[in-house]
PDB file of N, CA and C in Angstrom:
ATOM      1  N   UNK A   1      25.452 110.969 103.702  1.00  0.00           N
ATOM      2  CA  UNK A   1      25.701 110.097 104.838  1.00  0.00           C
ATOM      3  C   UNK A   1      26.780 110.726 105.708  1.00  0.00           C
ATOM      4  N   UNK A   2      26.655 110.497 107.003  1.00  0.00           N
ATOM      5  CA  UNK A   2      27.624 110.992 107.962  1.00  0.00           C
ATOM      6  C   UNK A   2      28.155 109.800 108.744  1.00  0.00           C
ATOM      7  N   UNK A   3      29.453 109.611 108.695  1.00  0.00           N
ATOM      8  CA  UNK A   3      30.092 108.528 109.427  1.00  0.00           C
ATOM      9  C   UNK A   3      30.663 109.119 110.708  1.00  0.00           C
ATOM     10  N   UNK A   4      30.246 108.561 111.844  1.00  0.00           N
ATOM     11  CA  UNK A   4      30.669 109.053 113.146  1.00  0.00           C
ATOM     12  C   UNK A   4      31.454 107.981 113.878  1.00  0.00           C
ATOM     13  N   UNK A   5      32.308 108.419 114.776  1.00  0.00           N
ATOM     14  CA  UNK A   5      33.100 107.485 115.571  1.00  0.00           C
ATOM     15  C   UNK A   5      32.854 107.755 117.052  1.00  0.00           C
ATOM     16  N   UNK A   6      32.584 106.686 117.806  1.00  0.00           N
ATOM     17  CA  UNK A   6      32.423 106.768 119.249  1.00  0.00           C
ATOM     18  C   UNK A   6      33.761 107.167 119.861  1.00  0.00           C
ATOM     19  N   UNK A   7      33.785 108.272 120.615  1.00  0.00           N
ATOM     20  CA  UNK A   7      35.028 108.744 121.204  1.00  0.00           C
ATOM     21  C   UNK A   7      34.943 108.879 122.722  1.00  0.00           C
ATOM     22  N   UNK A   8      33.771 108.636 123.296  1.00  0.00           N
ATOM     23  CA  UNK A   8      33.593 108.759 124.740  1.00  0.00           C
ATOM     24  C   UNK A   8      32.745 107.587 125.209  1.00  0.00           C
ATOM     25  N   UNK A   9      33.144 106.969 126.290  1.00  0.00           N
ATOM     26  CA  UNK A   9      32.379 105.851 126.833  1.00  0.00           C
ATOM     27  C   UNK A   9      32.724 104.534 126.164  1.00  0.00           C
ATOM     28  N   UNK A  10      32.130 103.479 126.697  1.00  0.00           N
ATOM     29  CA  UNK A  10      32.376 102.131 126.184  1.00  0.00           C
ATOM     30  C   UNK A  10      31.340 101.734 125.143  1.00  0.00           C
ATOM     31  N   UNK A  11      30.150 102.358 125.218  1.00  0.00           N
ATOM     32  CA  UNK A  11      29.127 102.084 124.220  1.00  0.00           C
ATOM     33  C   UNK A  11      28.107 103.214 124.234  1.00  0.00           C
ATOM     34  N   UNK A  12      27.292 103.272 123.173  1.00  0.00           N
ATOM     35  CA  UNK A  12      26.247 104.281 123.059  1.00  0.00           C
ATOM     36  C   UNK A  12      25.116 103.683 122.248  1.00  0.00           C
ATOM     37  N   UNK A  13      23.890 103.873 122.728  1.00  0.00           N
ATOM     38  CA  UNK A  13      22.709 103.458 121.991  1.00  0.00           C
ATOM     39  C   UNK A  13      21.711 104.603 122.019  1.00  0.00           C
ATOM     40  N   UNK A  14      21.246 105.009 120.882  1.00  0.00           N
ATOM     41  CA  UNK A  14      20.266 106.079 120.752  1.00  0.00           C
ATOM     42  C   UNK A  14      20.187 106.531 119.315  1.00  0.00           C
ATOM     43  N   UNK A  15      19.113 107.259 118.968  1.00  0.00           N
ATOM     44  CA  UNK A  15      18.928 107.738 117.595  1.00  0.00           C
ATOM     45  C   UNK A  15      19.067 106.604 116.582  1.00  0.00           C
ATOM     46  N   UNK A  16      18.632 105.423 116.930  1.00  0.00           N
ATOM     47  CA  UNK A  16      18.717 104.244 116.055  1.00  0.00           C
ATOM     48  C   UNK A  16      20.142 103.883 115.664  1.00  0.00           C
ATOM     49  N   UNK A  17      21.121 104.184 116.535  1.00  0.00           N
ATOM     50  CA  UNK A  17      22.500 103.766 116.308  1.00  0.00           C
ATOM     51  C   UNK A  17      22.989 103.044 117.563  1.00  0.00           C
ATOM     52  N   UNK A  18      23.937 102.152 117.361  1.00  0.00           N
ATOM     53  CA  UNK A  18      24.569 101.450 118.475  1.00  0.00           C
ATOM     54  C   UNK A  18      26.056 101.342 118.159  1.00  0.00           C
ATOM     55  N   UNK A  19      26.871 101.853 119.079  1.00  0.00           N
ATOM     56  CA  UNK A  19      28.321 101.810 118.887  1.00  0.00           C
ATOM     57  C   UNK A  19      28.971 101.280 120.155  1.00  0.00           C
ATOM     58  N   UNK A  20      30.069 100.543 119.990  1.00  0.00           N
ATOM     59  CA  UNK A  20      30.846 100.030 121.113  1.00  0.00           C
ATOM     60  C   UNK A  20      32.321 100.254 120.811  1.00  0.00           C
ATOM     61  N   UNK A  21      33.164  99.938 121.783  1.00  0.00           N
ATOM     62  CA  UNK A  21      34.605 100.050 121.532  1.00  0.00           C
ATOM     63  C   UNK A  21      35.043  99.153 120.393  1.00  0.00           C
ATOM     64  N   UNK A  22      34.431  97.982 120.276  1.00  0.00           N
ATOM     65  CA  UNK A  22      34.801  97.056 119.205  1.00  0.00           C
ATOM     66  C   UNK A  22      34.245  97.481 117.856  1.00  0.00           C
ATOM     67  N   UNK A  23      33.124  98.201 117.874  1.00  0.00           N
ATOM     68  CA  UNK A  23      32.505  98.701 116.639  1.00  0.00           C
ATOM     69  C   UNK A  23      32.147 100.174 116.839  1.00  0.00           C
ATOM     70  N   UNK A  24      33.158 101.050 116.817  1.00  0.00           N
ATOM     71  CA  UNK A  24      32.909 102.449 117.170  1.00  0.00           C
ATOM     72  C   UNK A  24      32.306 103.313 116.057  1.00  0.00           C
ATOM     73  N   UNK A  25      32.228 102.804 114.838  1.00  0.00           N
ATOM     74  CA  UNK A  25      31.740 103.620 113.729  1.00  0.00           C
ATOM     75  C   UNK A  25      30.263 103.374 113.463  1.00  0.00           C
ATOM     76  N   UNK A  26      29.521 104.462 113.234  1.00  0.00           N
ATOM     77  CA  UNK A  26      28.114 104.387 112.852  1.00  0.00           C
ATOM     78  C   UNK A  26      27.895 105.349 111.700  1.00  0.00           C
ATOM     79  N   UNK A  27      26.851 105.103 110.928  1.00  0.00           N
ATOM     80  CA  UNK A  27      26.490 105.995 109.837  1.00  0.00           C
ATOM     81  C   UNK A  27      25.063 106.454 110.029  1.00  0.00           C
ATOM     82  N   UNK A  28      24.841 107.743 109.818  1.00  0.00           N
ATOM     83  CA  UNK A  28      23.498 108.311 109.865  1.00  0.00           C
ATOM     84  C   UNK A  28      23.307 109.142 108.609  1.00  0.00           C
ATOM     85  N   UNK A  29      22.075 109.240 108.151  1.00  0.00           N
ATOM     86  CA  UNK A  29      21.810 109.984 106.924  1.00  0.00           C
ATOM     87  C   UNK A  29      21.375 111.417 107.197  1.00  0.00           C
ATOM     88  N   UNK A  30      20.979 111.705 108.410  1.00  0.00           N
ATOM     89  CA  UNK A  30      20.463 113.027 108.750  1.00  0.00           C
ATOM     90  C   UNK A  30      21.534 113.911 109.395  1.00  0.00           C
ATOM     91  N   UNK A  31      21.659 115.123 108.873  1.00  0.00           N
ATOM     92  CA  UNK A  31      22.599 116.078 109.449  1.00  0.00           C
ATOM     93  C   UNK A  31      22.182 116.434 110.874  1.00  0.00           C
ATOM     94  N   UNK A  32      20.889 116.529 111.122  1.00  0.00           N
ATOM     95  CA  UNK A  32      20.396 116.877 112.453  1.00  0.00           C
ATOM     96  C   UNK A  32      20.793 115.813 113.476  1.00  0.00           C
ATOM     97  N   UNK A  33      20.642 114.543 113.119  1.00  0.00           N
ATOM     98  CA  UNK A  33      21.028 113.454 114.026  1.00  0.00           C
ATOM     99  C   UNK A  33      22.539 113.457 114.216  1.00  0.00           C
ATOM    100  N   UNK A  34      23.274 113.642 113.127  1.00  0.00           N
ATOM    101  CA  UNK A  34      24.730 113.705 113.220  1.00  0.00           C
ATOM    102  C   UNK A  34      25.151 114.826 114.170  1.00  0.00           C
ATOM    103  N   UNK A  35      24.571 116.001 113.999  1.00  0.00           N
ATOM    104  CA  UNK A  35      24.898 117.136 114.864  1.00  0.00           C
ATOM    105  C   UNK A  35      24.549 116.856 116.319  1.00  0.00           C
ATOM    106  N   UNK A  36      23.411 116.203 116.558  1.00  0.00           N
ATOM    107  CA  UNK A  36      22.997 115.870 117.930  1.00  0.00           C
ATOM    108  C   UNK A  36      23.956 114.875 118.576  1.00  0.00           C
ATOM    109  N   UNK A  37      24.361 113.868 117.812  1.00  0.00           N
ATOM    110  CA  UNK A  37      25.289 112.872 118.351  1.00  0.00           C
ATOM    111  C   UNK A  37      26.655 113.495 118.655  1.00  0.00           C
ATOM    112  N   UNK A  38      27.120 114.375 117.786  1.00  0.00           N
ATOM    113  CA  UNK A  38      28.391 115.051 118.026  1.00  0.00           C
ATOM    114  C   UNK A  38      28.275 115.978 119.233  1.00  0.00           C
ATOM    115  N   UNK A  39      27.157 116.693 119.344  1.00  0.00           N
ATOM    116  CA  UNK A  39      26.934 117.606 120.476  1.00  0.00           C
ATOM    117  C   UNK A  39      26.867 116.854 121.803  1.00  0.00           C
ATOM    118  N   UNK A  40      26.481 115.578 121.768  1.00  0.00           N
ATOM    119  CA  UNK A  40      26.407 114.791 122.999  1.00  0.00           C
ATOM    120  C   UNK A  40      27.795 114.556 123.600  1.00  0.00           C
ATOM    121  N   UNK A  41      28.829 114.689 122.779  1.00  0.00           N
ATOM    122  CA  UNK A  41      30.187 114.459 123.237  1.00  0.00           C
ATOM    123  C   UNK A  41      30.632 113.016 123.086  1.00  0.00           C
ATOM    124  N   UNK A  42      29.732 112.134 122.681  1.00  0.00           N
ATOM    125  CA  UNK A  42      30.070 110.723 122.542  1.00  0.00           C
ATOM    126  C   UNK A  42      30.664 110.402 121.171  1.00  0.00           C
ATOM    127  N   UNK A  43      30.453 111.272 120.183  1.00  0.00           N
ATOM    128  CA  UNK A  43      30.897 110.982 118.821  1.00  0.00           C
ATOM    129  C   UNK A  43      31.670 112.150 118.222  1.00  0.00           C
ATOM    130  N   UNK A  44      32.518 111.820 117.252  1.00  0.00           N
ATOM    131  CA  UNK A  44      33.150 112.835 116.419  1.00  0.00           C
ATOM    132  C   UNK A  44      32.868 112.452 114.976  1.00  0.00           C
ATOM    133  N   UNK A  45      32.918 113.435 114.101  1.00  0.00           N
ATOM    134  CA  UNK A  45      32.670 113.188 112.682  1.00  0.00           C
ATOM    135  C   UNK A  45      33.875 112.488 112.082  1.00  0.00           C
ATOM    136  N   UNK A  46      33.647 111.325 111.500  1.00  0.00           N
ATOM    137  CA  UNK A  46      34.724 110.574 110.866  1.00  0.00           C
ATOM    138  C   UNK A  46      34.757 110.874 109.370  1.00  0.00           C
ATOM    139  N   UNK A  47      33.567 111.030 108.749  1.00  0.00           N
ATOM    140  CA  UNK A  47      33.506 111.312 107.315  1.00  0.00           C
ATOM    141  C   UNK A  47      32.110 111.764 106.936  1.00  0.00           C
ATOM    142  N   UNK A  48      32.046 112.556 105.904  1.00  0.00           N
ATOM    143  CA  UNK A  48      30.775 112.991 105.324  1.00  0.00           C
ATOM    144  C   UNK A  48      30.830 112.646 103.853  1.00  0.00           C
ATOM    145  N   UNK A  49      29.920 111.797 103.405  1.00  0.00           N
ATOM    146  CA  UNK A  49      29.964 111.349 102.017  1.00  0.00           C
ATOM    147  C   UNK A  49      28.600 111.501 101.366  1.00  0.00           C
ATOM    148  N   UNK A  50      28.602 111.664 100.064  1.00  0.00           N
ATOM    149  CA  UNK A  50      27.364 111.738  99.298  1.00  0.00           C
ATOM    150  C   UNK A  50      26.744 110.346  99.175  1.00  0.00           C
ATOM    151  N   UNK A  51      27.585 109.369  98.820  1.00  0.00           N
ATOM    152  CA  UNK A  51      27.132 107.996  98.677  1.00  0.00           C
ATOM    153  C   UNK A  51      28.159 107.094  99.345  1.00  0.00           C
ATOM    154  N   UNK A  52      27.746 105.920  99.791  1.00  0.00           N
ATOM    155  CA  UNK A  52      28.715 105.012 100.393  1.00  0.00           C
ATOM    156  C   UNK A  52      29.835 104.681  99.412  1.00  0.00           C
ATOM    157  N   UNK A  53      31.075 104.803  99.852  1.00  0.00           N
ATOM    158  CA  UNK A  53      32.216 104.577  98.978  1.00  0.00           C
ATOM    159  C   UNK A  53      32.609 103.106  98.883  1.00  0.00           C
ATOM    160  N   UNK A  54      32.251 102.304  99.896  1.00  0.00           N
ATOM    161  CA  UNK A  54      32.614 100.893  99.905  1.00  0.00           C
ATOM    162  C   UNK A  54      31.407 100.054 100.294  1.00  0.00           C
ATOM    163  N   UNK A  55      31.487  98.776 100.009  1.00  0.00           N
ATOM    164  CA  UNK A  55      30.388  97.886 100.341  1.00  0.00           C
ATOM    165  C   UNK A  55      30.289  97.700 101.853  1.00  0.00           C
ATOM    166  N   UNK A  56      29.144  97.222 102.320  1.00  0.00           N
ATOM    167  CA  UNK A  56      28.935  96.973 103.742  1.00  0.00           C
ATOM    168  C   UNK A  56      29.939  95.959 104.258  1.00  0.00           C
ATOM    169  N   UNK A  57      30.229  94.928 103.484  1.00  0.00           N
ATOM    170  CA  UNK A  57      31.192  93.913 103.908  1.00  0.00           C
ATOM    171  C   UNK A  57      32.573  94.517 104.074  1.00  0.00           C
ATOM    172  N   UNK A  58      32.990  95.325 103.128  1.00  0.00           N
ATOM    173  CA  UNK A  58      34.298  95.959 103.223  1.00  0.00           C
ATOM    174  C   UNK A  58      34.344  96.902 104.417  1.00  0.00           C
ATOM    175  N   UNK A  59      33.263  97.641 104.670  1.00  0.00           N
ATOM    176  CA  UNK A  59      33.216  98.554 105.808  1.00  0.00           C
ATOM    177  C   UNK A  59      33.320  97.779 107.112  1.00  0.00           C
ATOM    178  N   UNK A  60      32.640  96.665 107.227  1.00  0.00           N
ATOM    179  CA  UNK A  60      32.695  95.853 108.443  1.00  0.00           C
ATOM    180  C   UNK A  60      34.108  95.328 108.679  1.00  0.00           C
ATOM    181  N   UNK A  61      34.769  94.866 107.619  1.00  0.00           N
ATOM    182  CA  UNK A  61      36.134  94.369 107.764  1.00  0.00           C
ATOM    183  C   UNK A  61      37.073  95.508 108.138  1.00  0.00           C
ATOM    184  N   UNK A  62      36.890  96.673 107.537  1.00  0.00           N
ATOM    185  CA  UNK A  62      37.724  97.830 107.835  1.00  0.00           C
ATOM    186  C   UNK A  62      37.542  98.256 109.291  1.00  0.00           C
ATOM    187  N   UNK A  63      36.302  98.298 109.767  1.00  0.00           N
ATOM    188  CA  UNK A  63      36.024  98.675 111.147  1.00  0.00           C
ATOM    189  C   UNK A  63      36.679  97.703 112.109  1.00  0.00           C
ATOM    190  N   UNK A  64      36.572  96.411 111.838  1.00  0.00           N
ATOM    191  CA  UNK A  64      37.190  95.426 112.706  1.00  0.00           C
ATOM    192  C   UNK A  64      38.704  95.588 112.730  1.00  0.00           C
ATOM    193  N   UNK A  65      39.300  95.838 111.578  1.00  0.00           N
ATOM    194  CA  UNK A  65      40.749  96.019 111.516  1.00  0.00           C
ATOM    195  C   UNK A  65      41.171  97.262 112.289  1.00  0.00           C
ATOM    196  N   UNK A  66      40.382  98.328 112.196  1.00  0.00           N
ATOM    197  CA  UNK A  66      40.721  99.565 112.887  1.00  0.00           C
ATOM    198  C   UNK A  66      40.596  99.439 114.395  1.00  0.00           C
ATOM    199  N   UNK A  67      39.746  98.535 114.874  1.00  0.00           N
ATOM    200  CA  UNK A  67      39.520  98.428 116.308  1.00  0.00           C
ATOM    201  C   UNK A  67      40.233  97.240 116.939  1.00  0.00           C
ATOM    202  N   UNK A  68      41.030  96.509 116.186  1.00  0.00           N
ATOM    203  CA  UNK A  68      41.775  95.381 116.732  1.00  0.00           C
ATOM    204  C   UNK A  68      42.885  95.924 117.621  1.00  0.00           C
ATOM    205  N   UNK A  69      42.717  95.797 118.929  1.00  0.00           N
ATOM    206  CA  UNK A  69      43.673  96.412 119.840  1.00  0.00           C
ATOM    207  C   UNK A  69      45.057  95.780 119.753  1.00  0.00           C
ATOM    208  N   UNK A  70      45.146  94.581 119.246  1.00  0.00           N
ATOM    209  CA  UNK A  70      46.456  93.954 119.068  1.00  0.00           C
ATOM    210  C   UNK A  70      47.323  94.755 118.096  1.00  0.00           C
ATOM    211  N   UNK A  71      46.681  95.475 117.182  1.00  0.00           N
ATOM    212  CA  UNK A  71      47.406  96.232 116.172  1.00  0.00           C
ATOM    213  C   UNK A  71      47.681  97.677 116.598  1.00  0.00           C
ATOM    214  N   UNK A  72      47.142  98.082 117.739  1.00  0.00           N
ATOM    215  CA  UNK A  72      47.335  99.456 118.212  1.00  0.00           C
ATOM    216  C   UNK A  72      48.728  99.643 118.800  1.00  0.00           C
ATOM    217  N   UNK A  73      49.225 100.865 118.703  1.00  0.00           N
ATOM    218  CA  UNK A  73      50.501 101.196 119.331  1.00  0.00           C
ATOM    219  C   UNK A  73      50.285 101.370 120.833  1.00  0.00           C
ATOM    220  N   UNK A  74      51.366 101.387 121.583  1.00  0.00           N
ATOM    221  CA  UNK A  74      51.276 101.591 123.023  1.00  0.00           C
ATOM    222  C   UNK A  74      50.625 102.941 123.320  1.00  0.00           C
ATOM    223  N   UNK A  75      50.971 103.970 122.565  1.00  0.00           N
ATOM    224  CA  UNK A  75      50.378 105.295 122.771  1.00  0.00           C
ATOM    225  C   UNK A  75      48.866 105.267 122.532  1.00  0.00           C
ATOM    226  N   UNK A  76      48.425 104.552 121.500  1.00  0.00           N
ATOM    227  CA  UNK A  76      46.994 104.434 121.216  1.00  0.00           C
ATOM    228  C   UNK A  76      46.290 103.676 122.332  1.00  0.00           C
ATOM    229  N   UNK A  77      46.929 102.632 122.844  1.00  0.00           N
ATOM    230  CA  UNK A  77      46.346 101.860 123.937  1.00  0.00           C
ATOM    231  C   UNK A  77      46.224 102.710 125.196  1.00  0.00           C
ATOM    232  N   UNK A  78      47.229 103.528 125.465  1.00  0.00           N
ATOM    233  CA  UNK A  78      47.173 104.416 126.631  1.00  0.00           C
ATOM    234  C   UNK A  78      46.009 105.399 126.493  1.00  0.00           C
ATOM    235  N   UNK A  79      45.832 105.948 125.300  1.00  0.00           N
ATOM    236  CA  UNK A  79      44.728 106.878 125.059  1.00  0.00           C
ATOM    237  C   UNK A  79      43.387 106.184 125.230  1.00  0.00           C
ATOM    238  N   UNK A  80      43.257 104.985 124.681  1.00  0.00           N
ATOM    239  CA  UNK A  80      42.020 104.223 124.809  1.00  0.00           C
ATOM    240  C   UNK A  80      41.727 103.924 126.276  1.00  0.00           C
ATOM    241  N   UNK A  81      42.731 103.495 127.016  1.00  0.00           N
ATOM    242  CA  UNK A  81      42.552 103.206 128.448  1.00  0.00           C
ATOM    243  C   UNK A  81      42.062 104.441 129.184  1.00  0.00           C
ATOM    244  N   UNK A  82      42.623 105.592 128.851  1.00  0.00           N
ATOM    245  CA  UNK A  82      42.207 106.846 129.485  1.00  0.00           C
ATOM    246  C   UNK A  82      40.757 107.172 129.104  1.00  0.00           C
ATOM    247  N   UNK A  83      40.395 106.989 127.840  1.00  0.00           N
ATOM    248  CA  UNK A  83      39.046 107.305 127.366  1.00  0.00           C
ATOM    249  C   UNK A  83      37.982 106.460 128.055  1.00  0.00           C
ATOM    250  N   UNK A  84      38.318 105.206 128.365  1.00  0.00           N
ATOM    251  CA  UNK A  84      37.318 104.340 128.984  1.00  0.00           C
ATOM    252  C   UNK A  84      37.424 104.329 130.501  1.00  0.00           C
ATOM    253  N   UNK A  85      38.329 105.147 131.038  1.00  0.00           N
ATOM    254  CA  UNK A  85      38.407 105.324 132.483  1.00  0.00           C
ATOM    255  C   UNK A  85      39.145 104.233 133.241  1.00  0.00           C
ATOM    256  N   UNK A  86      40.063 103.554 132.584  1.00  0.00           N
ATOM    257  CA  UNK A  86      40.829 102.505 133.260  1.00  0.00           C
ATOM    258  C   UNK A  86      41.912 103.100 134.149  1.00  0.00           C
ATOM    259  N   UNK A  87      42.114 102.490 135.318  1.00  0.00           N
ATOM    260  CA  UNK A  87      43.255 102.849 136.149  1.00  0.00           C
ATOM    261  C   UNK A  87      44.482 102.219 135.503  1.00  0.00           C
ATOM    262  N   UNK A  88      45.475 103.028 135.204  1.00  0.00           N
ATOM    263  CA  UNK A  88      46.629 102.523 134.461  1.00  0.00           C
ATOM    264  C   UNK A  88      47.899 102.435 135.302  1.00  0.00           C
ATOM    265  N   UNK A  89      47.785 102.729 136.591  1.00  0.00           N
ATOM    266  CA  UNK A  89      48.960 102.640 137.452  1.00  0.00           C
ATOM    267  C   UNK A  89      49.470 101.201 137.444  1.00  0.00           C
ATOM    268  N   UNK A  90      50.735 101.030 137.191  1.00  0.00           N
ATOM    269  CA  UNK A  90      51.345  99.702 137.154  1.00  0.00           C
ATOM    270  C   UNK A  90      51.355  99.058 135.782  1.00  0.00           C
ATOM    271  N   UNK A  91      50.623  99.645 134.808  1.00  0.00           N
ATOM    272  CA  UNK A  91      50.636  99.108 133.449  1.00  0.00           C
ATOM    273  C   UNK A  91      51.833  99.701 132.723  1.00  0.00           C
ATOM    274  N   UNK A  92      52.684  98.833 132.194  1.00  0.00           N
ATOM    275  CA  UNK A  92      53.895  99.322 131.548  1.00  0.00           C
ATOM    276  C   UNK A  92      53.997  98.904 130.084  1.00  0.00           C
ATOM    277  N   UNK A  93      53.662  97.680 129.797  1.00  0.00           N
ATOM    278  CA  UNK A  93      53.868  97.180 128.439  1.00  0.00           C
ATOM    279  C   UNK A  93      52.568  97.188 127.644  1.00  0.00           C
ATOM    280  N   UNK A  94      52.710  97.021 126.351  1.00  0.00           N
ATOM    281  CA  UNK A  94      51.564  96.923 125.459  1.00  0.00           C
ATOM    282  C   UNK A  94      50.671  95.756 125.895  1.00  0.00           C
ATOM    283  N   UNK A  95      51.289  94.648 126.265  1.00  0.00           N
ATOM    284  CA  UNK A  95      50.529  93.472 126.703  1.00  0.00           C
ATOM    285  C   UNK A  95      49.714  93.777 127.966  1.00  0.00           C
ATOM    286  N   UNK A  96      50.287  94.571 128.890  1.00  0.00           N
ATOM    287  CA  UNK A  96      49.559  94.953 130.104  1.00  0.00           C
ATOM    288  C   UNK A  96      48.296  95.742 129.756  1.00  0.00           C
ATOM    289  N   UNK A  97      48.438  96.699 128.835  1.00  0.00           N
ATOM    290  CA  UNK A  97      47.294  97.521 128.435  1.00  0.00           C
ATOM    291  C   UNK A  97      46.241  96.687 127.714  1.00  0.00           C
ATOM    292  N   UNK A  98      46.664  95.807 126.820  1.00  0.00           N
ATOM    293  CA  UNK A  98      45.715  94.954 126.095  1.00  0.00           C
ATOM    294  C   UNK A  98      44.936  94.083 127.081  1.00  0.00           C
ATOM    295  N   UNK A  99      45.635  93.487 128.025  1.00  0.00           N
ATOM    296  CA  UNK A  99      44.968  92.638 129.015  1.00  0.00           C
ATOM    297  C   UNK A  99      43.964  93.439 129.845  1.00  0.00           C
ATOM    298  N   UNK A 100      44.345  94.628 130.283  1.00  0.00           N
ATOM    299  CA  UNK A 100      43.449  95.459 131.095  1.00  0.00           C
ATOM    300  C   UNK A 100      42.215  95.888 130.305  1.00  0.00           C
ATOM    301  N   UNK A 101      42.404  96.272 129.045  1.00  0.00           N
ATOM    302  CA  UNK A 101      41.276  96.693 128.204  1.00  0.00           C
ATOM    303  C   UNK A 101      40.348  95.519 127.924  1.00  0.00           C
ATOM    304  N   UNK A 102      40.918  94.364 127.594  1.00  0.00           N
ATOM    305  CA  UNK A 102      40.090  93.178 127.355  1.00  0.00           C
ATOM    306  C   UNK A 102      39.325  92.772 128.603  1.00  0.00           C
ATOM    307  N   UNK A 103      39.963  92.840 129.762  1.00  0.00           N
ATOM    308  CA  UNK A 103      39.294  92.500 131.019  1.00  0.00           C
ATOM    309  C   UNK A 103      38.145  93.459 131.289  1.00  0.00           C
ATOM    310  N   UNK A 104      38.369  94.747 131.080  1.00  0.00           N
ATOM    311  CA  UNK A 104      37.311  95.741 131.278  1.00  0.00           C
ATOM    312  C   UNK A 104      36.148  95.478 130.335  1.00  0.00           C
ATOM    313  N   UNK A 105      36.443  95.132 129.087  1.00  0.00           N
ATOM    314  CA  UNK A 105      35.398  94.838 128.107  1.00  0.00           C
ATOM    315  C   UNK A 105      34.577  93.622 128.536  1.00  0.00           C
ATOM    316  N   UNK A 106      35.222  92.609 129.095  1.00  0.00           N
ATOM    317  CA  UNK A 106      34.510  91.419 129.562  1.00  0.00           C
ATOM    318  C   UNK A 106      33.646  91.735 130.777  1.00  0.00           C
ATOM    319  N   UNK A 107      34.145  92.573 131.672  1.00  0.00           N
ATOM    320  CA  UNK A 107      33.421  92.907 132.901  1.00  0.00           C
ATOM    321  C   UNK A 107      32.263  93.869 132.649  1.00  0.00           C
ATOM    322  N   UNK A 108      32.436  94.794 131.701  1.00  0.00           N
ATOM    323  CA  UNK A 108      31.447  95.830 131.432  1.00  0.00           C
ATOM    324  C   UNK A 108      31.189  95.948 129.953  1.00  0.00           C
ATOM    325  N   UNK A 109      30.593  94.942 129.311  1.00  0.00           N
ATOM    326  CA  UNK A 109      30.465  94.933 127.856  1.00  0.00           C
ATOM    327  C   UNK A 109      29.568  96.032 127.286  1.00  0.00           C
ATOM    328  N   UNK A 110      28.590  96.513 127.997  1.00  0.00           N
ATOM    329  CA  UNK A 110      27.675  97.502 127.442  1.00  0.00           C
ATOM    330  C   UNK A 110      27.632  98.785 128.246  1.00  0.00           C
ATOM    331  N   UNK A 111      28.615  99.007 129.096  1.00  0.00           N
ATOM    332  CA  UNK A 111      28.603 100.219 129.916  1.00  0.00           C
ATOM    333  C   UNK A 111      28.948 101.430 129.080  1.00  0.00           C
ATOM    334  N   UNK A 112      28.151 102.490 129.236  1.00  0.00           N
ATOM    335  CA  UNK A 112      28.408 103.727 128.481  1.00  0.00           C
ATOM    336  C   UNK A 112      29.369 104.618 129.225  1.00  0.00           C
TER     337      UNK A 112
END
């Protein structure tokens, strides 16, 4: 299995995978598909495993915890804002970045 993380855009759908900023991790079993998704520039390799190490429920909870922007540092929020193409002029605090990212997500929920 190959675990990939969405690193470009707000969402991606293709090769029977769907990833968003809120759920950026996907798993594929084929090396060819993994290589194609990475070559697209939308994904990076997060992990390569022989067998799933945790249950689906635990993975879902872990993914949600990793993508909870309230728990991100200001530096992580700045990087995320840059990755999704947000104008950040005038944003100073963590709360400003969280509000801008949440607003963008509401306005463009499925934009790639």
